[in-house]
Amino acid sequence: MNSVRSIGRWSAVVATIFAIGYSVPQLFSAAELIPHPQDLYWLFLPSLFLAPAFLLTMICLDFSVGRNLKIWATIGWAFAAIYCTMITIVYFTQLTVVLPAQMKGEVDNKQVLLFDRRTFLMAVDCMGYFFMSLSTLFAAFAFRNDEKNKWLYRGLLWNGLLLPVLILAFFYPSFYYAGAIWMITFPLAMINASKFLGKLQL
């Protein structure tokens, strides 16, 4: 149990840090303060490390709940594993293959691996975050009746309820701005997960 408390707590802290590390450049990029495609480096790098930290957090939450609630947390980390796999493929491919070529002007607008609206990897990325939200939505039910950790429940639930918005954002760009609520809901969930896991009784 000590390892669950330690790994879970710090994984949640790391996930929070990388979520903020993504959110700040995203705001700068939206304000056109970072030129494209250089802005993608600042967005993809923290996102790449966020994924395994989130997965570890969800696994530790699964270990921390009672047997009668375990099904919800287990489904949560299973979806987190799908998210982590999809997102890691997308961002590692971008950082090591596509962006270096793009910076050299060796990638045209029809390149299959290009990360842009309505492209293949954008679709994979969108589905990845759909599974992240699905992960937190299911995990939230493991804490639904836990009055001591109601903010953990709320953070997980609110992040989970973003899943239709994240899908619609792929087809309708206006929903992309609504999806920016993730910058609040996800850190809220991870901060409270860190608090919860840090207080686990041995």
N, C-alpha and C. Protein backbone atom coordinates (compact mmCIF):
# COMPACT_ATOMS: atom_id res chain seq x y z
N MET A 1 0.83 -1.21 0.00
CA MET A 1 0.00 0.00 0.00
C MET A 1 0.86 1.26 0.00
N ASN A 2 2.03 1.19 0.61
CA ASN A 2 2.92 2.33 0.64
C ASN A 2 3.35 2.72 -0.77
N SER A 3 3.63 1.72 -1.62
CA SER A 3 4.03 2.01 -2.99
C SER A 3 2.87 2.60 -3.78
N VAL A 4 1.65 2.14 -3.53
CA VAL A 4 0.48 2.70 -4.19
C VAL A 4 0.33 4.17 -3.82
N ARG A 5 0.48 4.47 -2.54
CA ARG A 5 0.36 5.85 -2.08
C ARG A 5 1.43 6.74 -2.71
N SER A 6 2.67 6.27 -2.71
CA SER A 6 3.77 7.07 -3.23
C SER A 6 3.70 7.24 -4.75
N ILE A 7 3.56 6.12 -5.46
CA ILE A 7 3.50 6.18 -6.93
C ILE A 7 2.29 6.98 -7.39
N GLY A 8 1.14 6.71 -6.76
CA GLY A 8 -0.08 7.39 -7.16
C GLY A 8 -0.03 8.89 -6.92
N ARG A 9 0.44 9.25 -5.74
CA ARG A 9 0.50 10.67 -5.39
C ARG A 9 1.38 11.43 -6.37
N TRP A 10 2.58 10.92 -6.60
CA TRP A 10 3.51 11.64 -7.45
C TRP A 10 3.15 11.58 -8.92
N SER A 11 2.52 10.49 -9.33
CA SER A 11 2.04 10.42 -10.72
C SER A 11 0.97 11.47 -10.97
N ALA A 12 0.09 11.66 -10.00
CA ALA A 12 -0.95 12.69 -10.12
C ALA A 12 -0.34 14.09 -10.14
N VAL A 13 0.69 14.30 -9.32
CA VAL A 13 1.38 15.59 -9.32
C VAL A 13 2.03 15.85 -10.68
N VAL A 14 2.71 14.84 -11.21
CA VAL A 14 3.38 14.97 -12.51
C VAL A 14 2.36 15.21 -13.61
N ALA A 15 1.24 14.50 -13.55
CA ALA A 15 0.18 14.69 -14.55
C ALA A 15 -0.34 16.12 -14.50
N THR A 16 -0.49 16.66 -13.29
CA THR A 16 -0.95 18.05 -13.14
C THR A 16 0.06 19.02 -13.74
N ILE A 17 1.32 18.80 -13.45
CA ILE A 17 2.38 19.68 -13.96
C ILE A 17 2.41 19.69 -15.48
N PHE A 18 2.33 18.49 -16.07
CA PHE A 18 2.37 18.42 -17.53
C PHE A 18 1.08 18.93 -18.17
N ALA A 19 -0.04 18.82 -17.45
CA ALA A 19 -1.28 19.40 -17.96
C ALA A 19 -1.16 20.92 -18.02
N ILE A 20 -0.58 21.51 -16.99
CA ILE A 20 -0.34 22.96 -16.99
C ILE A 20 0.71 23.31 -18.04
N GLY A 21 1.72 22.42 -18.17
CA GLY A 21 2.77 22.61 -19.17
C GLY A 21 2.24 22.58 -20.59
N TYR A 22 1.12 21.91 -20.79
CA TYR A 22 0.46 21.93 -22.09
C TYR A 22 -0.45 23.15 -22.21
N SER A 23 -1.18 23.46 -21.16
CA SER A 23 -2.22 24.50 -21.22
C SER A 23 -1.64 25.88 -21.49
N VAL A 24 -0.53 26.22 -20.86
CA VAL A 24 0.05 27.55 -21.04
C VAL A 24 0.48 27.78 -22.49
N PRO A 25 1.26 26.87 -23.10
CA PRO A 25 1.60 27.06 -24.51
C PRO A 25 0.37 27.05 -25.43
N GLN A 26 -0.65 26.29 -25.05
CA GLN A 26 -1.87 26.26 -25.85
C GLN A 26 -2.53 27.64 -25.89
N LEU A 27 -2.54 28.31 -24.75
CA LEU A 27 -3.09 29.67 -24.70
C LEU A 27 -2.23 30.63 -25.52
N PHE A 28 -0.91 30.48 -25.41
CA PHE A 28 0.00 31.33 -26.19
C PHE A 28 -0.17 31.07 -27.69
N SER A 29 -0.35 29.80 -28.04
CA SER A 29 -0.53 29.43 -29.44
C SER A 29 -1.83 30.01 -29.99
N ALA A 30 -2.91 29.92 -29.19
CA ALA A 30 -4.20 30.47 -29.61
C ALA A 30 -4.12 31.98 -29.81
N ALA A 31 -3.27 32.63 -29.01
CA ALA A 31 -3.08 34.08 -29.14
C ALA A 31 -2.04 34.43 -30.19
N GLU A 32 -1.53 33.39 -30.89
CA GLU A 32 -0.52 33.54 -31.94
C GLU A 32 0.77 34.17 -31.44
N LEU A 33 1.12 33.86 -30.19
CA LEU A 33 2.37 34.35 -29.61
C LEU A 33 3.52 33.38 -29.87
N ILE A 34 3.19 32.17 -30.29
CA ILE A 34 4.20 31.18 -30.68
C ILE A 34 3.92 30.81 -32.13
N PRO A 35 4.90 30.95 -33.01
CA PRO A 35 4.65 30.66 -34.43
C PRO A 35 4.41 29.17 -34.68
N HIS A 36 3.66 28.90 -35.71
CA HIS A 36 3.40 27.52 -36.14
C HIS A 36 4.45 27.13 -37.18
N PRO A 37 5.03 25.93 -37.18
CA PRO A 37 4.68 24.76 -36.35
C PRO A 37 5.49 24.63 -35.06
N GLN A 38 6.30 25.65 -34.71
CA GLN A 38 7.09 25.56 -33.48
C GLN A 38 6.21 25.35 -32.25
N ASP A 39 4.99 25.90 -32.31
CA ASP A 39 4.09 25.75 -31.16
C ASP A 39 3.77 24.29 -30.86
N LEU A 40 3.81 23.45 -31.90
CA LEU A 40 3.47 22.04 -31.71
C LEU A 40 4.47 21.32 -30.80
N TYR A 41 5.73 21.72 -30.86
CA TYR A 41 6.73 21.13 -29.94
C TYR A 41 6.31 21.37 -28.49
N TRP A 42 5.89 22.60 -28.21
CA TRP A 42 5.52 22.97 -26.84
C TRP A 42 4.23 22.29 -26.39
N LEU A 43 3.40 21.90 -27.35
CA LEU A 43 2.14 21.22 -27.02
C LEU A 43 2.32 19.71 -26.90
N PHE A 44 3.11 19.14 -27.79
CA PHE A 44 3.23 17.69 -27.82
C PHE A 44 4.14 17.13 -26.73
N LEU A 45 5.21 17.86 -26.41
CA LEU A 45 6.17 17.31 -25.45
C LEU A 45 5.57 17.08 -24.07
N PRO A 46 4.90 18.07 -23.45
CA PRO A 46 4.28 17.79 -22.15
C PRO A 46 3.16 16.76 -22.25
N SER A 47 2.45 16.77 -23.37
CA SER A 47 1.35 15.81 -23.55
C SER A 47 1.87 14.38 -23.61
N LEU A 48 3.05 14.21 -24.19
CA LEU A 48 3.66 12.88 -24.30
C LEU A 48 3.94 12.30 -22.91
N PHE A 49 4.41 13.12 -22.00
CA PHE A 49 4.74 12.66 -20.65
C PHE A 49 3.51 12.62 -19.73
N LEU A 50 2.52 13.42 -20.06
CA LEU A 50 1.29 13.43 -19.28
C LEU A 50 0.60 12.06 -19.34
N ALA A 51 0.62 11.44 -20.52
CA ALA A 51 -0.13 10.20 -20.74
C ALA A 51 0.26 9.08 -19.77
N PRO A 52 1.55 8.70 -19.65
CA PRO A 52 1.88 7.63 -18.70
C PRO A 52 1.66 8.03 -17.24
N ALA A 53 1.84 9.31 -16.93
CA ALA A 53 1.59 9.76 -15.55
C ALA A 53 0.12 9.60 -15.20
N PHE A 54 -0.76 9.93 -16.14
CA PHE A 54 -2.19 9.76 -15.93
C PHE A 54 -2.55 8.29 -15.77
N LEU A 55 -1.98 7.44 -16.62
CA LEU A 55 -2.26 6.01 -16.53
C LEU A 55 -1.85 5.45 -15.17
N LEU A 56 -0.67 5.82 -14.70
CA LEU A 56 -0.22 5.34 -13.38
C LEU A 56 -1.15 5.83 -12.27
N THR A 57 -1.61 7.06 -12.39
CA THR A 57 -2.54 7.60 -11.39
C THR A 57 -3.82 6.77 -11.34
N MET A 58 -4.35 6.45 -12.51
CA MET A 58 -5.60 5.70 -12.57
C MET A 58 -5.43 4.27 -12.04
N ILE A 59 -4.28 3.67 -12.31
CA ILE A 59 -4.02 2.33 -11.78
C ILE A 59 -3.96 2.37 -10.26
N CYS A 60 -3.31 3.39 -9.72
CA CYS A 60 -3.20 3.51 -8.26
C CYS A 60 -4.57 3.80 -7.62
N LEU A 61 -5.41 4.56 -8.29
CA LEU A 61 -6.77 4.77 -7.79
C LEU A 61 -7.52 3.45 -7.74
N ASP A 62 -7.28 2.61 -8.73
CA ASP A 62 -7.92 1.29 -8.76
C ASP A 62 -7.51 0.46 -7.55
N PHE A 63 -6.24 0.53 -7.17
CA PHE A 63 -5.73 -0.21 -6.01
C PHE A 63 -6.24 0.36 -4.69
N SER A 64 -6.73 1.58 -4.71
CA SER A 64 -7.05 2.27 -3.46
C SER A 64 -8.51 2.13 -3.04
N VAL A 65 -9.37 1.65 -3.93
CA VAL A 65 -10.81 1.61 -3.61
C VAL A 65 -11.21 0.22 -3.12
N GLY A 66 -12.35 0.19 -2.43
CA GLY A 66 -12.86 -1.07 -1.90
C GLY A 66 -13.30 -2.03 -2.99
N ARG A 67 -13.43 -3.27 -2.61
CA ARG A 67 -13.74 -4.33 -3.58
C ARG A 67 -15.06 -4.09 -4.31
N ASN A 68 -16.06 -3.59 -3.60
CA ASN A 68 -17.37 -3.40 -4.21
C ASN A 68 -17.40 -2.24 -5.20
N LEU A 69 -16.39 -1.38 -5.16
CA LEU A 69 -16.31 -0.24 -6.08
C LEU A 69 -15.22 -0.41 -7.13
N LYS A 70 -14.48 -1.49 -7.02
CA LYS A 70 -13.29 -1.68 -7.84
C LYS A 70 -13.60 -1.75 -9.33
N ILE A 71 -14.78 -2.26 -9.69
CA ILE A 71 -15.11 -2.40 -11.11
C ILE A 71 -15.05 -1.06 -11.83
N TRP A 72 -15.52 0.02 -11.16
CA TRP A 72 -15.52 1.35 -11.79
C TRP A 72 -14.10 1.85 -12.02
N ALA A 73 -13.25 1.69 -11.02
CA ALA A 73 -11.87 2.16 -11.14
C ALA A 73 -11.09 1.32 -12.14
N THR A 74 -11.38 0.01 -12.21
CA THR A 74 -10.69 -0.86 -13.15
C THR A 74 -11.05 -0.51 -14.59
N ILE A 75 -12.34 -0.28 -14.83
CA ILE A 75 -12.75 0.18 -16.17
C ILE A 75 -12.06 1.51 -16.49
N GLY A 76 -11.95 2.37 -15.48
CA GLY A 76 -11.30 3.66 -15.67
C GLY A 76 -9.86 3.53 -16.13
N TRP A 77 -9.09 2.67 -15.48
CA TRP A 77 -7.68 2.58 -15.90
C TRP A 77 -7.53 1.80 -17.20
N ALA A 78 -8.50 0.93 -17.52
CA ALA A 78 -8.46 0.23 -18.80
C ALA A 78 -8.60 1.23 -19.95
N PHE A 79 -9.55 2.17 -19.80
CA PHE A 79 -9.70 3.21 -20.82
C PHE A 79 -8.49 4.16 -20.82
N ALA A 80 -7.90 4.37 -19.65
CA ALA A 80 -6.69 5.21 -19.57
C ALA A 80 -5.54 4.57 -20.35
N ALA A 81 -5.48 3.24 -20.34
CA ALA A 81 -4.43 2.53 -21.08
C ALA A 81 -4.61 2.71 -22.59
N ILE A 82 -5.87 2.70 -23.04
CA ILE A 82 -6.14 2.95 -24.46
C ILE A 82 -5.72 4.37 -24.83
N TYR A 83 -6.11 5.33 -23.98
CA TYR A 83 -5.71 6.73 -24.19
C TYR A 83 -4.19 6.85 -24.28
N CYS A 84 -3.50 6.28 -23.31
CA CYS A 84 -2.04 6.40 -23.26
C CYS A 84 -1.39 5.83 -24.52
N THR A 85 -1.87 4.69 -24.98
CA THR A 85 -1.32 4.06 -26.18
C THR A 85 -1.52 4.93 -27.41
N MET A 86 -2.74 5.41 -27.60
CA MET A 86 -3.05 6.21 -28.78
C MET A 86 -2.28 7.53 -28.80
N ILE A 87 -2.27 8.19 -27.65
CA ILE A 87 -1.63 9.51 -27.57
C ILE A 87 -0.11 9.40 -27.71
N THR A 88 0.47 8.38 -27.13
CA THR A 88 1.92 8.19 -27.23
C THR A 88 2.34 7.99 -28.67
N ILE A 89 1.57 7.20 -29.41
CA ILE A 89 1.87 7.00 -30.83
C ILE A 89 1.81 8.31 -31.59
N VAL A 90 0.75 9.08 -31.35
CA VAL A 90 0.57 10.35 -32.07
C VAL A 90 1.72 11.32 -31.77
N TYR A 91 1.99 11.56 -30.49
CA TYR A 91 2.95 12.61 -30.15
C TYR A 91 4.40 12.20 -30.40
N PHE A 92 4.71 10.94 -30.19
CA PHE A 92 6.08 10.51 -30.49
C PHE A 92 6.33 10.57 -31.99
N THR A 93 5.34 10.19 -32.79
CA THR A 93 5.47 10.29 -34.24
C THR A 93 5.66 11.73 -34.68
N GLN A 94 4.88 12.63 -34.09
CA GLN A 94 5.00 14.04 -34.44
C GLN A 94 6.37 14.61 -34.07
N LEU A 95 6.81 14.31 -32.86
CA LEU A 95 8.06 14.90 -32.36
C LEU A 95 9.30 14.35 -33.06
N THR A 96 9.26 13.10 -33.45
CA THR A 96 10.47 12.47 -34.00
C THR A 96 10.47 12.36 -35.53
N VAL A 97 9.30 12.38 -36.15
CA VAL A 97 9.23 12.18 -37.60
C VAL A 97 8.69 13.41 -38.33
N VAL A 98 7.49 13.83 -37.96
CA VAL A 98 6.79 14.84 -38.74
C VAL A 98 7.34 16.25 -38.53
N LEU A 99 7.44 16.69 -37.27
CA LEU A 99 7.86 18.07 -37.01
C LEU A 99 9.28 18.37 -37.49
N PRO A 100 10.26 17.47 -37.28
CA PRO A 100 11.59 17.76 -37.85
C PRO A 100 11.55 17.95 -39.36
N ALA A 101 10.76 17.12 -40.06
CA ALA A 101 10.63 17.27 -41.51
C ALA A 101 9.87 18.54 -41.86
N GLN A 102 8.87 18.86 -41.06
CA GLN A 102 8.08 20.07 -41.30
C GLN A 102 8.93 21.33 -41.14
N MET A 103 9.79 21.31 -40.16
CA MET A 103 10.66 22.47 -39.93
C MET A 103 11.64 22.68 -41.08
N LYS A 104 11.95 21.59 -41.78
CA LYS A 104 12.86 21.68 -42.92
C LYS A 104 12.11 21.93 -44.23
N GLY A 105 10.80 22.05 -44.13
CA GLY A 105 10.00 22.28 -45.33
C GLY A 105 9.85 21.05 -46.19
N GLU A 106 10.00 19.86 -45.60
CA GLU A 106 9.94 18.61 -46.36
C GLU A 106 8.60 17.92 -46.26
N VAL A 107 7.59 18.58 -45.65
CA VAL A 107 6.27 17.99 -45.50
C VAL A 107 5.25 18.88 -46.19
N ASP A 108 4.46 18.29 -47.12
CA ASP A 108 3.43 19.09 -47.77
C ASP A 108 2.09 18.92 -47.05
N ASN A 109 1.11 19.70 -47.45
CA ASN A 109 -0.17 19.72 -46.76
C ASN A 109 -0.98 18.43 -46.90
N LYS A 110 -0.55 17.55 -47.79
CA LYS A 110 -1.26 16.29 -47.99
C LYS A 110 -0.57 15.11 -47.32
N GLN A 111 0.48 15.39 -46.60
CA GLN A 111 1.21 14.35 -45.88
C GLN A 111 0.26 13.65 -44.91
N VAL A 112 0.21 12.33 -44.98
CA VAL A 112 -0.75 11.57 -44.19
C VAL A 112 -0.52 11.71 -42.69
N LEU A 113 0.73 11.96 -42.27
CA LEU A 113 1.03 12.06 -40.85
C LEU A 113 0.95 13.49 -40.32
N LEU A 114 0.60 14.43 -41.16
CA LEU A 114 0.51 15.83 -40.73
C LEU A 114 -0.57 15.97 -39.66
N PHE A 115 -0.27 16.76 -38.63
CA PHE A 115 -1.22 16.99 -37.54
C PHE A 115 -1.91 18.31 -37.80
N ASP A 116 -3.13 18.24 -38.30
CA ASP A 116 -3.91 19.44 -38.59
C ASP A 116 -5.39 19.06 -38.54
N ARG A 117 -6.26 20.02 -38.69
CA ARG A 117 -7.69 19.75 -38.59
C ARG A 117 -8.13 18.73 -39.63
N ARG A 118 -8.97 17.77 -39.16
CA ARG A 118 -9.58 16.74 -39.99
C ARG A 118 -8.55 15.82 -40.64
N THR A 119 -7.38 15.67 -40.02
CA THR A 119 -6.38 14.73 -40.53
C THR A 119 -6.45 13.43 -39.74
N PHE A 120 -5.75 12.41 -40.25
CA PHE A 120 -5.75 11.09 -39.62
C PHE A 120 -5.27 11.15 -38.16
N LEU A 121 -4.10 11.76 -37.93
CA LEU A 121 -3.56 11.76 -36.56
C LEU A 121 -4.36 12.68 -35.64
N MET A 122 -4.99 13.69 -36.19
CA MET A 122 -5.89 14.51 -35.36
C MET A 122 -7.08 13.68 -34.90
N ALA A 123 -7.56 12.79 -35.78
CA ALA A 123 -8.67 11.90 -35.41
C ALA A 123 -8.24 10.94 -34.32
N VAL A 124 -7.03 10.40 -34.44
CA VAL A 124 -6.51 9.49 -33.40
C VAL A 124 -6.35 10.24 -32.08
N ASP A 125 -5.83 11.45 -32.15
CA ASP A 125 -5.66 12.29 -30.96
C ASP A 125 -7.01 12.57 -30.30
N CYS A 126 -7.99 12.89 -31.11
CA CYS A 126 -9.34 13.17 -30.62
C CYS A 126 -9.92 11.95 -29.90
N MET A 127 -9.75 10.78 -30.50
CA MET A 127 -10.24 9.56 -29.87
C MET A 127 -9.48 9.25 -28.59
N GLY A 128 -8.20 9.59 -28.57
CA GLY A 128 -7.41 9.39 -27.36
C GLY A 128 -7.99 10.16 -26.19
N TYR A 129 -8.32 11.43 -26.43
CA TYR A 129 -8.87 12.24 -25.35
C TYR A 129 -10.31 11.86 -25.02
N PHE A 130 -11.00 11.27 -25.99
CA PHE A 130 -12.32 10.69 -25.70
C PHE A 130 -12.17 9.57 -24.67
N PHE A 131 -11.15 8.72 -24.85
CA PHE A 131 -10.93 7.62 -23.91
C PHE A 131 -10.42 8.12 -22.56
N MET A 132 -9.69 9.23 -22.56
CA MET A 132 -9.28 9.82 -21.28
C MET A 132 -10.51 10.26 -20.49
N SER A 133 -11.42 10.95 -21.17
CA SER A 133 -12.63 11.40 -20.49
C SER A 133 -13.49 10.22 -20.05
N LEU A 134 -13.56 9.20 -20.89
CA LEU A 134 -14.30 8.00 -20.53
C LEU A 134 -13.68 7.34 -19.30
N SER A 135 -12.36 7.38 -19.23
CA SER A 135 -11.63 6.83 -18.09
C SER A 135 -12.02 7.53 -16.79
N THR A 136 -11.99 8.86 -16.80
CA THR A 136 -12.31 9.60 -15.57
C THR A 136 -13.80 9.51 -15.24
N LEU A 137 -14.64 9.39 -16.27
CA LEU A 137 -16.08 9.26 -16.04
C LEU A 137 -16.39 7.99 -15.26
N PHE A 138 -15.84 6.87 -15.69
CA PHE A 138 -16.08 5.60 -15.00
C PHE A 138 -15.44 5.60 -13.62
N ALA A 139 -14.21 6.09 -13.52
CA ALA A 139 -13.52 6.10 -12.23
C ALA A 139 -14.25 6.96 -11.20
N ALA A 140 -14.94 7.99 -11.67
CA ALA A 140 -15.66 8.87 -10.75
C ALA A 140 -16.67 8.10 -9.91
N PHE A 141 -17.30 7.09 -10.48
CA PHE A 141 -18.34 6.35 -9.76
C PHE A 141 -17.79 5.54 -8.59
N ALA A 142 -16.48 5.32 -8.58
CA ALA A 142 -15.87 4.65 -7.44
C ALA A 142 -15.84 5.56 -6.22
N PHE A 143 -16.06 6.87 -6.43
CA PHE A 143 -16.00 7.85 -5.34
C PHE A 143 -17.31 8.61 -5.18
N ARG A 144 -18.36 8.11 -5.82
CA ARG A 144 -19.63 8.83 -5.85
C ARG A 144 -20.20 9.08 -4.46
N ASN A 145 -20.09 8.13 -3.57
CA ASN A 145 -20.68 8.25 -2.23
C ASN A 145 -19.65 8.56 -1.15
N ASP A 146 -18.47 8.99 -1.58
CA ASP A 146 -17.38 9.29 -0.64
C ASP A 146 -17.40 10.79 -0.32
N GLU A 147 -18.04 11.14 0.77
CA GLU A 147 -18.18 12.55 1.14
C GLU A 147 -16.85 13.21 1.44
N LYS A 148 -15.90 12.42 1.93
CA LYS A 148 -14.59 12.99 2.27
C LYS A 148 -13.79 13.37 1.03
N ASN A 149 -14.14 12.77 -0.10
CA ASN A 149 -13.38 13.02 -1.33
C ASN A 149 -14.32 13.46 -2.47
N LYS A 150 -15.26 14.33 -2.11
CA LYS A 150 -16.25 14.76 -3.09
C LYS A 150 -15.64 15.57 -4.23
N TRP A 151 -14.52 16.26 -3.96
CA TRP A 151 -13.90 17.03 -5.03
C TRP A 151 -13.13 16.14 -6.00
N LEU A 152 -12.66 15.00 -5.52
CA LEU A 152 -12.07 14.03 -6.43
C LEU A 152 -13.16 13.50 -7.36
N TYR A 153 -14.30 13.16 -6.79
CA TYR A 153 -15.44 12.69 -7.58
C TYR A 153 -15.86 13.74 -8.60
N ARG A 154 -15.98 14.98 -8.17
CA ARG A 154 -16.43 16.03 -9.06
C ARG A 154 -15.42 16.28 -10.20
N GLY A 155 -14.15 16.32 -9.85
CA GLY A 155 -13.12 16.54 -10.87
C GLY A 155 -13.12 15.44 -11.92
N LEU A 156 -13.18 14.20 -11.48
CA LEU A 156 -13.22 13.07 -12.41
C LEU A 156 -14.48 13.11 -13.26
N LEU A 157 -15.61 13.38 -12.60
CA LEU A 157 -16.89 13.41 -13.31
C LEU A 157 -16.94 14.53 -14.33
N TRP A 158 -16.57 15.74 -13.92
CA TRP A 158 -16.63 16.88 -14.84
C TRP A 158 -15.71 16.68 -16.03
N ASN A 159 -14.54 16.11 -15.79
CA ASN A 159 -13.64 15.84 -16.91
C ASN A 159 -14.25 14.78 -17.83
N GLY A 160 -14.92 13.81 -17.22
CA GLY A 160 -15.56 12.77 -18.01
C GLY A 160 -16.70 13.28 -18.86
N LEU A 161 -17.43 14.26 -18.36
CA LEU A 161 -18.57 14.79 -19.10
C LEU A 161 -18.17 15.61 -20.32
N LEU A 162 -16.87 15.85 -20.48
CA LEU A 162 -16.39 16.58 -21.66
C LEU A 162 -16.33 15.69 -22.90
N LEU A 163 -16.53 14.39 -22.75
CA LEU A 163 -16.28 13.50 -23.88
C LEU A 163 -17.08 13.81 -25.14
N PRO A 164 -18.37 14.18 -25.09
CA PRO A 164 -19.04 14.53 -26.35
C PRO A 164 -18.48 15.80 -26.99
N VAL A 165 -18.05 16.73 -26.15
CA VAL A 165 -17.46 17.98 -26.66
C VAL A 165 -16.18 17.69 -27.42
N LEU A 166 -15.37 16.78 -26.90
CA LEU A 166 -14.09 16.46 -27.53
C LEU A 166 -14.28 15.80 -28.88
N ILE A 167 -15.31 15.01 -29.02
CA ILE A 167 -15.60 14.39 -30.32
C ILE A 167 -16.15 15.43 -31.30
N LEU A 168 -17.09 16.25 -30.84
CA LEU A 168 -17.68 17.26 -31.70
C LEU A 168 -16.65 18.28 -32.18
N ALA A 169 -15.62 18.51 -31.35
CA ALA A 169 -14.59 19.49 -31.72
C ALA A 169 -13.85 19.08 -32.99
N PHE A 170 -13.79 17.79 -33.26
CA PHE A 170 -13.12 17.33 -34.48
C PHE A 170 -13.89 17.78 -35.72
N PHE A 171 -15.20 17.78 -35.63
CA PHE A 171 -16.04 18.13 -36.77
C PHE A 171 -16.44 19.60 -36.80
N TYR A 172 -16.58 20.19 -35.61
CA TYR A 172 -17.02 21.59 -35.51
C TYR A 172 -16.03 22.36 -34.64
N PRO A 173 -15.16 23.17 -35.26
CA PRO A 173 -14.10 23.87 -34.52
C PRO A 173 -14.58 24.70 -33.34
N SER A 174 -15.82 25.19 -33.38
CA SER A 174 -16.31 26.02 -32.28
C SER A 174 -16.33 25.25 -30.96
N PHE A 175 -16.51 23.94 -31.03
CA PHE A 175 -16.52 23.13 -29.82
C PHE A 175 -15.11 22.99 -29.22
N TYR A 176 -14.11 23.32 -30.02
CA TYR A 176 -12.73 23.27 -29.52
C TYR A 176 -12.55 24.20 -28.33
N TYR A 177 -13.21 25.35 -28.39
CA TYR A 177 -13.08 26.32 -27.30
C TYR A 177 -13.81 25.85 -26.05
N ALA A 178 -14.91 25.17 -26.22
CA ALA A 178 -15.62 24.59 -25.08
C ALA A 178 -14.77 23.50 -24.44
N GLY A 179 -14.05 22.76 -25.28
CA GLY A 179 -13.17 21.70 -24.78
C GLY A 179 -12.02 22.23 -23.94
N ALA A 180 -11.76 23.53 -24.05
CA ALA A 180 -10.68 24.13 -23.26
C ALA A 180 -10.96 24.07 -21.77
N ILE A 181 -12.21 23.76 -21.39
CA ILE A 181 -12.54 23.58 -19.98
C ILE A 181 -11.70 22.46 -19.37
N TRP A 182 -11.19 21.58 -20.24
CA TRP A 182 -10.27 20.51 -19.81
C TRP A 182 -9.10 21.09 -19.00
N MET A 183 -8.67 22.29 -19.34
CA MET A 183 -7.55 22.92 -18.64
C MET A 183 -7.86 23.16 -17.17
N ILE A 184 -9.14 23.10 -16.82
CA ILE A 184 -9.57 23.26 -15.43
C ILE A 184 -9.95 21.91 -14.83
N THR A 185 -10.77 21.16 -15.56
CA THR A 185 -11.29 19.91 -15.00
C THR A 185 -10.21 18.86 -14.78
N PHE A 186 -9.28 18.74 -15.72
CA PHE A 186 -8.26 17.70 -15.57
C PHE A 186 -7.31 17.99 -14.41
N PRO A 187 -6.72 19.20 -14.32
CA PRO A 187 -5.89 19.48 -13.14
C PRO A 187 -6.65 19.34 -11.84
N LEU A 188 -7.93 19.75 -11.83
CA LEU A 188 -8.75 19.60 -10.62
C LEU A 188 -8.82 18.13 -10.20
N ALA A 189 -9.06 17.25 -11.17
CA ALA A 189 -9.13 15.82 -10.87
C ALA A 189 -7.80 15.29 -10.37
N MET A 190 -6.71 15.69 -11.01
CA MET A 190 -5.39 15.16 -10.64
C MET A 190 -4.90 15.71 -9.30
N ILE A 191 -5.18 16.98 -9.01
CA ILE A 191 -4.78 17.55 -7.72
C ILE A 191 -5.50 16.82 -6.59
N ASN A 192 -6.77 16.55 -6.78
CA ASN A 192 -7.53 15.85 -5.74
C ASN A 192 -7.18 14.37 -5.68
N ALA A 193 -6.78 13.80 -6.80
CA ALA A 193 -6.29 12.42 -6.78
C ALA A 193 -4.99 12.34 -5.98
N SER A 194 -4.13 13.33 -6.15
CA SER A 194 -2.88 13.37 -5.40
C SER A 194 -3.15 13.49 -3.90
N LYS A 195 -4.10 14.34 -3.53
CA LYS A 195 -4.45 14.49 -2.11
C LYS A 195 -5.02 13.20 -1.55
N PHE A 196 -5.90 12.57 -2.30
CA PHE A 196 -6.53 11.33 -1.87
C PHE A 196 -5.50 10.22 -1.67
N LEU A 197 -4.66 10.04 -2.67
CA LEU A 197 -3.66 8.97 -2.62
C LEU A 197 -2.60 9.25 -1.56
N GLY A 198 -2.29 10.53 -1.34
CA GLY A 198 -1.30 10.87 -0.32
C GLY A 198 -1.79 10.60 1.10
N LYS A 199 -3.12 10.49 1.29
CA LYS A 199 -3.68 10.27 2.61
C LYS A 199 -4.13 8.82 2.83
N LEU A 200 -3.77 7.94 1.90
CA LEU A 200 -4.18 6.54 2.06
C LEU A 200 -3.67 5.97 3.36
N GLN A 201 -4.53 5.26 4.06
CA GLN A 201 -4.14 4.62 5.31
C GLN A 201 -3.44 3.30 5.03
N LEU A 202 -2.29 3.10 5.66
CA LEU A 202 -1.52 1.87 5.47
C LEU A 202 -2.06 0.77 6.38
